[in-house]
Amino acid sequence: MEIQEKIMVADTLAGINGELIRYAEMIPQTEDKELKACLKQFRNACEQSQEELYWIAREKSYYVPASKATEEEVAHVKSLFTSSAL
């Protein structure tokens, strides 16, 4: 039972993440302000659902996040975005 639940949670999270990608693509492409506002509301609700499901997955140990980046790793990534190489 737990394996099936874990798979269902993972599948649902993947689906929600896919929806969020679609909203990110659609919102800047529409000129209609009413439609844009509606899409943003849908996206916000979708983000909230994703976060709630994420915390459920964490509580049940279905998802274990990667360890936090070190100060050096953070500084390195910041330097990549602030250097003139980009």
PDB file of N, CA and C in Angstrom:
ATOM      1  N   MET A   1       0.830  -1.201   0.000  1.00  0.00           N
ATOM      2  CA  MET A   1       0.000   0.000   0.000  1.00  0.00           C
ATOM      3  C   MET A   1       0.868   1.256   0.000  1.00  0.00           C
ATOM      4  N   GLU A   2       1.934   1.268   0.807  1.00  0.00           N
ATOM      5  CA  GLU A   2       2.763   2.456   0.899  1.00  0.00           C
ATOM      6  C   GLU A   2       3.464   2.753  -0.419  1.00  0.00           C
ATOM      7  N   ILE A   3       3.913   1.713  -1.118  1.00  0.00           N
ATOM      8  CA  ILE A   3       4.590   1.917  -2.412  1.00  0.00           C
ATOM      9  C   ILE A   3       3.626   2.547  -3.406  1.00  0.00           C
ATOM     10  N   GLN A   4       2.392   2.050  -3.454  1.00  0.00           N
ATOM     11  CA  GLN A   4       1.408   2.616  -4.379  1.00  0.00           C
ATOM     12  C   GLN A   4       1.148   4.083  -4.044  1.00  0.00           C
ATOM     13  N   GLU A   5       1.041   4.387  -2.762  1.00  0.00           N
ATOM     14  CA  GLU A   5       0.806   5.767  -2.342  1.00  0.00           C
ATOM     15  C   GLU A   5       1.993   6.649  -2.736  1.00  0.00           C
ATOM     16  N   LYS A   6       3.191   6.145  -2.528  1.00  0.00           N
ATOM     17  CA  LYS A   6       4.399   6.898  -2.878  1.00  0.00           C
ATOM     18  C   LYS A   6       4.432   7.180  -4.374  1.00  0.00           C
ATOM     19  N   ILE A   7       4.083   6.201  -5.184  1.00  0.00           N
ATOM     20  CA  ILE A   7       4.063   6.377  -6.643  1.00  0.00           C
ATOM     21  C   ILE A   7       2.985   7.383  -7.037  1.00  0.00           C
ATOM     22  N   MET A   8       1.830   7.307  -6.408  1.00  0.00           N
ATOM     23  CA  MET A   8       0.751   8.247  -6.717  1.00  0.00           C
ATOM     24  C   MET A   8       1.158   9.676  -6.369  1.00  0.00           C
ATOM     25  N   VAL A   9       1.815   9.856  -5.233  1.00  0.00           N
ATOM     26  CA  VAL A   9       2.273  11.183  -4.840  1.00  0.00           C
ATOM     27  C   VAL A   9       3.298  11.703  -5.841  1.00  0.00           C
ATOM     28  N   ALA A  10       4.250  10.857  -6.218  1.00  0.00           N
ATOM     29  CA  ALA A  10       5.278  11.258  -7.181  1.00  0.00           C
ATOM     30  C   ALA A  10       4.649  11.616  -8.532  1.00  0.00           C
ATOM     31  N   ASP A  11       3.709  10.817  -8.995  1.00  0.00           N
ATOM     32  CA  ASP A  11       3.032  11.082 -10.267  1.00  0.00           C
ATOM     33  C   ASP A  11       2.253  12.391 -10.208  1.00  0.00           C
ATOM     34  N   THR A  12       1.572  12.618  -9.103  1.00  0.00           N
ATOM     35  CA  THR A  12       0.790  13.851  -8.952  1.00  0.00           C
ATOM     36  C   THR A  12       1.704  15.066  -8.935  1.00  0.00           C
ATOM     37  N   LEU A  13       2.812  14.972  -8.198  1.00  0.00           N
ATOM     38  CA  LEU A  13       3.763  16.080  -8.179  1.00  0.00           C
ATOM     39  C   LEU A  13       4.325  16.349  -9.582  1.00  0.00           C
ATOM     40  N   ALA A  14       4.635  15.304 -10.317  1.00  0.00           N
ATOM     41  CA  ALA A  14       5.141  15.471 -11.682  1.00  0.00           C
ATOM     42  C   ALA A  14       4.085  16.156 -12.559  1.00  0.00           C
ATOM     43  N   GLY A  15       2.841  15.764 -12.398  1.00  0.00           N
ATOM     44  CA  GLY A  15       1.761  16.385 -13.163  1.00  0.00           C
ATOM     45  C   GLY A  15       1.591  17.855 -12.827  1.00  0.00           C
ATOM     46  N   ILE A  16       1.628  18.173 -11.553  1.00  0.00           N
ATOM     47  CA  ILE A  16       1.499  19.571 -11.120  1.00  0.00           C
ATOM     48  C   ILE A  16       2.668  20.387 -11.656  1.00  0.00           C
ATOM     49  N   ASN A  17       3.872  19.839 -11.576  1.00  0.00           N
ATOM     50  CA  ASN A  17       5.034  20.554 -12.092  1.00  0.00           C
ATOM     51  C   ASN A  17       4.897  20.821 -13.589  1.00  0.00           C
ATOM     52  N   GLY A  18       4.336  19.866 -14.316  1.00  0.00           N
ATOM     53  CA  GLY A  18       4.076  20.067 -15.738  1.00  0.00           C
ATOM     54  C   GLY A  18       3.079  21.195 -15.980  1.00  0.00           C
ATOM     55  N   GLU A  19       2.036  21.245 -15.152  1.00  0.00           N
ATOM     56  CA  GLU A  19       1.058  22.324 -15.271  1.00  0.00           C
ATOM     57  C   GLU A  19       1.714  23.676 -15.016  1.00  0.00           C
ATOM     58  N   LEU A  20       2.571  23.731 -14.012  1.00  0.00           N
ATOM     59  CA  LEU A  20       3.246  24.992 -13.693  1.00  0.00           C
ATOM     60  C   LEU A  20       4.112  25.466 -14.867  1.00  0.00           C
ATOM     61  N   ILE A  21       4.739  24.528 -15.539  1.00  0.00           N
ATOM     62  CA  ILE A  21       5.536  24.886 -16.719  1.00  0.00           C
ATOM     63  C   ILE A  21       4.640  25.473 -17.801  1.00  0.00           C
ATOM     64  N   ARG A  22       3.475  24.849 -18.024  1.00  0.00           N
ATOM     65  CA  ARG A  22       2.546  25.354 -19.050  1.00  0.00           C
ATOM     66  C   ARG A  22       2.067  26.763 -18.698  1.00  0.00           C
ATOM     67  N   TYR A  23       1.721  27.001 -17.424  1.00  0.00           N
ATOM     68  CA  TYR A  23       1.285  28.346 -17.020  1.00  0.00           C
ATOM     69  C   TYR A  23       2.405  29.356 -17.241  1.00  0.00           C
ATOM     70  N   ALA A  24       3.634  28.974 -16.914  1.00  0.00           N
ATOM     71  CA  ALA A  24       4.779  29.871 -17.107  1.00  0.00           C
ATOM     72  C   ALA A  24       4.957  30.217 -18.583  1.00  0.00           C
ATOM     73  N   GLU A  25       4.601  29.311 -19.455  1.00  0.00           N
ATOM     74  CA  GLU A  25       4.693  29.565 -20.890  1.00  0.00           C
ATOM     75  C   GLU A  25       3.530  30.430 -21.394  1.00  0.00           C
ATOM     76  N   MET A  26       2.338  30.179 -20.880  1.00  0.00           N
ATOM     77  CA  MET A  26       1.145  30.859 -21.387  1.00  0.00           C
ATOM     78  C   MET A  26       1.006  32.296 -20.890  1.00  0.00           C
ATOM     79  N   ILE A  27       1.288  32.525 -19.627  1.00  0.00           N
ATOM     80  CA  ILE A  27       1.022  33.841 -19.030  1.00  0.00           C
ATOM     81  C   ILE A  27       1.690  34.983 -19.791  1.00  0.00           C
ATOM     82  N   PRO A  28       2.985  34.903 -20.081  1.00  0.00           N
ATOM     83  CA  PRO A  28       3.588  36.043 -20.780  1.00  0.00           C
ATOM     84  C   PRO A  28       3.186  36.159 -22.249  1.00  0.00           C
ATOM     85  N   GLN A  29       2.547  35.134 -22.791  1.00  0.00           N
ATOM     86  CA  GLN A  29       2.199  35.152 -24.204  1.00  0.00           C
ATOM     87  C   GLN A  29       0.809  35.713 -24.497  1.00  0.00           C
ATOM     88  N   THR A  30       0.023  35.927 -23.459  1.00  0.00           N
ATOM     89  CA  THR A  30      -1.326  36.438 -23.712  1.00  0.00           C
ATOM     90  C   THR A  30      -1.373  37.948 -23.521  1.00  0.00           C
ATOM     91  N   GLU A  31      -2.121  38.606 -24.388  1.00  0.00           N
ATOM     92  CA  GLU A  31      -2.299  40.053 -24.294  1.00  0.00           C
ATOM     93  C   GLU A  31      -3.568  40.404 -23.526  1.00  0.00           C
ATOM     94  N   ASP A  32      -4.482  39.456 -23.434  1.00  0.00           N
ATOM     95  CA  ASP A  32      -5.763  39.696 -22.771  1.00  0.00           C
ATOM     96  C   ASP A  32      -5.543  39.745 -21.256  1.00  0.00           C
ATOM     97  N   LYS A  33      -5.786  40.923 -20.662  1.00  0.00           N
ATOM     98  CA  LYS A  33      -5.513  41.109 -19.234  1.00  0.00           C
ATOM     99  C   LYS A  33      -6.376  40.206 -18.355  1.00  0.00           C
ATOM    100  N   GLU A  34      -7.620  40.010 -18.754  1.00  0.00           N
ATOM    101  CA  GLU A  34      -8.517  39.156 -17.969  1.00  0.00           C
ATOM    102  C   GLU A  34      -8.053  37.702 -18.009  1.00  0.00           C
ATOM    103  N   LEU A  35      -7.668  37.239 -19.186  1.00  0.00           N
ATOM    104  CA  LEU A  35      -7.161  35.879 -19.318  1.00  0.00           C
ATOM    105  C   LEU A  35      -5.860  35.718 -18.544  1.00  0.00           C
ATOM    106  N   LYS A  36      -4.987  36.705 -18.627  1.00  0.00           N
ATOM    107  CA  LYS A  36      -3.712  36.663 -17.915  1.00  0.00           C
ATOM    108  C   LYS A  36      -3.957  36.561 -16.406  1.00  0.00           C
ATOM    109  N   ALA A  37      -4.895  37.343 -15.881  1.00  0.00           N
ATOM    110  CA  ALA A  37      -5.217  37.303 -14.452  1.00  0.00           C
ATOM    111  C   ALA A  37      -5.778  35.939 -14.060  1.00  0.00           C
ATOM    112  N   CYS A  38      -6.618  35.381 -14.919  1.00  0.00           N
ATOM    113  CA  CYS A  38      -7.197  34.057 -14.666  1.00  0.00           C
ATOM    114  C   CYS A  38      -6.104  32.987 -14.633  1.00  0.00           C
ATOM    115  N   LEU A  39      -5.200  33.034 -15.592  1.00  0.00           N
ATOM    116  CA  LEU A  39      -4.105  32.066 -15.636  1.00  0.00           C
ATOM    117  C   LEU A  39      -3.207  32.191 -14.407  1.00  0.00           C
ATOM    118  N   LYS A  40      -2.995  33.416 -13.953  1.00  0.00           N
ATOM    119  CA  LYS A  40      -2.184  33.620 -12.747  1.00  0.00           C
ATOM    120  C   LYS A  40      -2.870  33.038 -11.519  1.00  0.00           C
ATOM    121  N   GLN A  41      -4.189  33.165 -11.446  1.00  0.00           N
ATOM    122  CA  GLN A  41      -4.930  32.567 -10.333  1.00  0.00           C
ATOM    123  C   GLN A  41      -4.798  31.045 -10.364  1.00  0.00           C
ATOM    124  N   PHE A  42      -4.937  30.467 -11.539  1.00  0.00           N
ATOM    125  CA  PHE A  42      -4.773  29.014 -11.680  1.00  0.00           C
ATOM    126  C   PHE A  42      -3.362  28.596 -11.277  1.00  0.00           C
ATOM    127  N   ARG A  43      -2.361  29.358 -11.753  1.00  0.00           N
ATOM    128  CA  ARG A  43      -0.977  29.046 -11.413  1.00  0.00           C
ATOM    129  C   ARG A  43      -0.749  29.113  -9.903  1.00  0.00           C
ATOM    130  N   ASN A  44      -1.282  30.146  -9.258  1.00  0.00           N
ATOM    131  CA  ASN A  44      -1.110  30.290  -7.813  1.00  0.00           C
ATOM    132  C   ASN A  44      -1.748  29.126  -7.055  1.00  0.00           C
ATOM    133  N   ALA A  45      -2.933  28.717  -7.478  1.00  0.00           N
ATOM    134  CA  ALA A  45      -3.597  27.574  -6.844  1.00  0.00           C
ATOM    135  C   ALA A  45      -2.788  26.300  -7.070  1.00  0.00           C
ATOM    136  N   CYS A  46      -2.243  26.167  -8.262  1.00  0.00           N
ATOM    137  CA  CYS A  46      -1.430  25.005  -8.600  1.00  0.00           C
ATOM    138  C   CYS A  46      -0.163  24.979  -7.736  1.00  0.00           C
ATOM    139  N   GLU A  47       0.473  26.125  -7.551  1.00  0.00           N
ATOM    140  CA  GLU A  47       1.663  26.215  -6.706  1.00  0.00           C
ATOM    141  C   GLU A  47       1.343  25.841  -5.263  1.00  0.00           C
ATOM    142  N   GLN A  48       0.193  26.285  -4.790  1.00  0.00           N
ATOM    143  CA  GLN A  48      -0.213  25.958  -3.429  1.00  0.00           C
ATOM    144  C   GLN A  48      -0.429  24.453  -3.275  1.00  0.00           C
ATOM    145  N   SER A  49      -1.075  23.836  -4.252  1.00  0.00           N
ATOM    146  CA  SER A  49      -1.284  22.383  -4.221  1.00  0.00           C
ATOM    147  C   SER A  49       0.048  21.649  -4.250  1.00  0.00           C
ATOM    148  N   GLN A  50       0.971  22.121  -5.074  1.00  0.00           N
ATOM    149  CA  GLN A  50       2.283  21.495  -5.176  1.00  0.00           C
ATOM    150  C   GLN A  50       3.013  21.569  -3.845  1.00  0.00           C
ATOM    151  N   GLU A  51       2.954  22.719  -3.199  1.00  0.00           N
ATOM    152  CA  GLU A  51       3.646  22.876  -1.915  1.00  0.00           C
ATOM    153  C   GLU A  51       3.029  21.988  -0.831  1.00  0.00           C
ATOM    154  N   GLU A  52       1.705  21.911  -0.801  1.00  0.00           N
ATOM    155  CA  GLU A  52       1.037  21.058   0.190  1.00  0.00           C
ATOM    156  C   GLU A  52       1.411  19.593  -0.020  1.00  0.00           C
ATOM    157  N   LEU A  53       1.404  19.167  -1.256  1.00  0.00           N
ATOM    158  CA  LEU A  53       1.744  17.775  -1.553  1.00  0.00           C
ATOM    159  C   LEU A  53       3.222  17.506  -1.270  1.00  0.00           C
ATOM    160  N   TYR A  54       4.066  18.486  -1.537  1.00  0.00           N
ATOM    161  CA  TYR A  54       5.495  18.366  -1.231  1.00  0.00           C
ATOM    162  C   TYR A  54       5.697  18.112   0.263  1.00  0.00           C
ATOM    163  N   TRP A  55       5.002  18.874   1.111  1.00  0.00           N
ATOM    164  CA  TRP A  55       5.175  18.697   2.561  1.00  0.00           C
ATOM    165  C   TRP A  55       4.626  17.355   3.031  1.00  0.00           C
ATOM    166  N   ILE A  56       3.571  16.881   2.423  1.00  0.00           N
ATOM    167  CA  ILE A  56       3.054  15.542   2.750  1.00  0.00           C
ATOM    168  C   ILE A  56       4.103  14.500   2.384  1.00  0.00           C
ATOM    169  N   ALA A  57       4.691  14.644   1.201  1.00  0.00           N
ATOM    170  CA  ALA A  57       5.722  13.701   0.755  1.00  0.00           C
ATOM    171  C   ALA A  57       6.934  13.735   1.684  1.00  0.00           C
ATOM    172  N   ARG A  58       7.309  14.914   2.155  1.00  0.00           N
ATOM    173  CA  ARG A  58       8.435  15.018   3.089  1.00  0.00           C
ATOM    174  C   ARG A  58       8.111  14.340   4.414  1.00  0.00           C
ATOM    175  N   GLU A  59       6.902  14.580   4.929  1.00  0.00           N
ATOM    176  CA  GLU A  59       6.493  13.998   6.213  1.00  0.00           C
ATOM    177  C   GLU A  59       6.503  12.474   6.169  1.00  0.00           C
ATOM    178  N   LYS A  60       6.129  11.917   5.028  1.00  0.00           N
ATOM    179  CA  LYS A  60       6.055  10.461   4.887  1.00  0.00           C
ATOM    180  C   LYS A  60       7.368   9.860   4.382  1.00  0.00           C
ATOM    181  N   SER A  61       8.384  10.703   4.242  1.00  0.00           N
ATOM    182  CA  SER A  61       9.700  10.299   3.722  1.00  0.00           C
ATOM    183  C   SER A  61       9.619   9.738   2.304  1.00  0.00           C
ATOM    184  N   TYR A  62       8.636  10.199   1.531  1.00  0.00           N
ATOM    185  CA  TYR A  62       8.549   9.831   0.124  1.00  0.00           C
ATOM    186  C   TYR A  62       9.527  10.665  -0.684  1.00  0.00           C
ATOM    187  N   TYR A  63       9.883  11.804  -0.128  1.00  0.00           N
ATOM    188  CA  TYR A  63      10.811  12.708  -0.791  1.00  0.00           C
ATOM    189  C   TYR A  63      11.810  13.211   0.243  1.00  0.00           C
ATOM    190  N   VAL A  64      13.065  13.088  -0.073  1.00  0.00           N
ATOM    191  CA  VAL A  64      14.120  13.598   0.796  1.00  0.00           C
ATOM    192  C   VAL A  64      14.926  14.591  -0.036  1.00  0.00           C
ATOM    193  N   PRO A  65      14.890  15.869   0.343  1.00  0.00           N
ATOM    194  CA  PRO A  65      15.598  16.866  -0.458  1.00  0.00           C
ATOM    195  C   PRO A  65      17.111  16.708  -0.355  1.00  0.00           C
ATOM    196  N   ALA A  66      17.790  17.239  -1.328  1.00  0.00           N
ATOM    197  CA  ALA A  66      19.254  17.231  -1.315  1.00  0.00           C
ATOM    198  C   ALA A  66      19.750  18.080  -0.150  1.00  0.00           C
ATOM    199  N   SER A  67      20.974  17.833   0.260  1.00  0.00           N
ATOM    200  CA  SER A  67      21.543  18.627   1.339  1.00  0.00           C
ATOM    201  C   SER A  67      21.723  20.065   0.881  1.00  0.00           C
ATOM    202  N   LYS A  68      21.760  20.975   1.855  1.00  0.00           N
ATOM    203  CA  LYS A  68      21.891  22.390   1.531  1.00  0.00           C
ATOM    204  C   LYS A  68      23.276  22.681   0.974  1.00  0.00           C
ATOM    205  N   ALA A  69      23.323  23.650   0.096  1.00  0.00           N
ATOM    206  CA  ALA A  69      24.588  24.052  -0.511  1.00  0.00           C
ATOM    207  C   ALA A  69      25.467  24.731   0.532  1.00  0.00           C
ATOM    208  N   THR A  70      26.769  24.545   0.376  1.00  0.00           N
ATOM    209  CA  THR A  70      27.720  25.208   1.276  1.00  0.00           C
ATOM    210  C   THR A  70      27.849  26.670   0.864  1.00  0.00           C
ATOM    211  N   GLU A  71      28.425  27.472   1.739  1.00  0.00           N
ATOM    212  CA  GLU A  71      28.662  28.882   1.429  1.00  0.00           C
ATOM    213  C   GLU A  71      29.513  29.022   0.167  1.00  0.00           C
ATOM    214  N   GLU A  72      30.505  28.137   0.021  1.00  0.00           N
ATOM    215  CA  GLU A  72      31.383  28.187  -1.139  1.00  0.00           C
ATOM    216  C   GLU A  72      30.616  27.883  -2.424  1.00  0.00           C
ATOM    217  N   GLU A  73      29.723  26.898  -2.361  1.00  0.00           N
ATOM    218  CA  GLU A  73      28.931  26.550  -3.540  1.00  0.00           C
ATOM    219  C   GLU A  73      28.008  27.701  -3.938  1.00  0.00           C
ATOM    220  N   VAL A  74      27.401  28.324  -2.959  1.00  0.00           N
ATOM    221  CA  VAL A  74      26.517  29.460  -3.226  1.00  0.00           C
ATOM    222  C   VAL A  74      27.316  30.601  -3.842  1.00  0.00           C
ATOM    223  N   ALA A  75      28.480  30.897  -3.274  1.00  0.00           N
ATOM    224  CA  ALA A  75      29.329  31.973  -3.801  1.00  0.00           C
ATOM    225  C   ALA A  75      29.755  31.682  -5.230  1.00  0.00           C
ATOM    226  N   HIS A  76      30.071  30.424  -5.519  1.00  0.00           N
ATOM    227  CA  HIS A  76      30.481  30.050  -6.870  1.00  0.00           C
ATOM    228  C   HIS A  76      29.355  30.289  -7.878  1.00  0.00           C
ATOM    229  N   VAL A  77      28.163  29.855  -7.544  1.00  0.00           N
ATOM    230  CA  VAL A  77      27.027  30.031  -8.461  1.00  0.00           C
ATOM    231  C   VAL A  77      26.728  31.512  -8.641  1.00  0.00           C
ATOM    232  N   LYS A  78      26.767  32.281  -7.541  1.00  0.00           N
ATOM    233  CA  LYS A  78      26.544  33.728  -7.663  1.00  0.00           C
ATOM    234  C   LYS A  78      27.564  34.354  -8.594  1.00  0.00           C
ATOM    235  N   SER A  79      28.812  33.900  -8.482  1.00  0.00           N
ATOM    236  CA  SER A  79      29.863  34.473  -9.334  1.00  0.00           C
ATOM    237  C   SER A  79      29.618  34.167 -10.809  1.00  0.00           C
ATOM    238  N   LEU A  80      29.025  33.021 -11.084  1.00  0.00           N
ATOM    239  CA  LEU A  80      28.723  32.680 -12.476  1.00  0.00           C
ATOM    240  C   LEU A  80      27.722  33.658 -13.092  1.00  0.00           C
ATOM    241  N   PHE A  81      26.806  34.148 -12.271  1.00  0.00           N
ATOM    242  CA  PHE A  81      25.773  35.043 -12.777  1.00  0.00           C
ATOM    243  C   PHE A  81      26.159  36.516 -12.714  1.00  0.00           C
ATOM    244  N   THR A  82      27.233  36.818 -12.009  1.00  0.00           N
ATOM    245  CA  THR A  82      27.649  38.212 -11.924  1.00  0.00           C
ATOM    246  C   THR A  82      28.906  38.480 -12.748  1.00  0.00           C
ATOM    247  N   SER A  83      29.507  37.437 -13.298  1.00  0.00           N
ATOM    248  CA  SER A  83      30.709  37.653 -14.104  1.00  0.00           C
ATOM    249  C   SER A  83      30.326  38.110 -15.501  1.00  0.00           C
ATOM    250  N   SER A  84      31.288  38.657 -16.199  1.00  0.00           N
ATOM    251  CA  SER A  84      31.020  39.148 -17.560  1.00  0.00           C
ATOM    252  C   SER A  84      31.027  38.017 -18.576  1.00  0.00           C
ATOM    253  N   ALA A  85      31.269  36.779 -18.098  1.00  0.00           N
ATOM    254  CA  ALA A  85      31.310  35.624 -19.013  1.00  0.00           C
ATOM    255  C   ALA A  85      29.945  35.326 -19.601  1.00  0.00           C
ATOM    256  N   LEU A  86      28.871  35.729 -18.927  1.00  0.00           N
ATOM    257  CA  LEU A  86      27.536  35.478 -19.472  1.00  0.00           C
ATOM    258  C   LEU A  86      27.235  36.554 -20.467  1.00  0.00           C
TER     259      LEU A  86
END
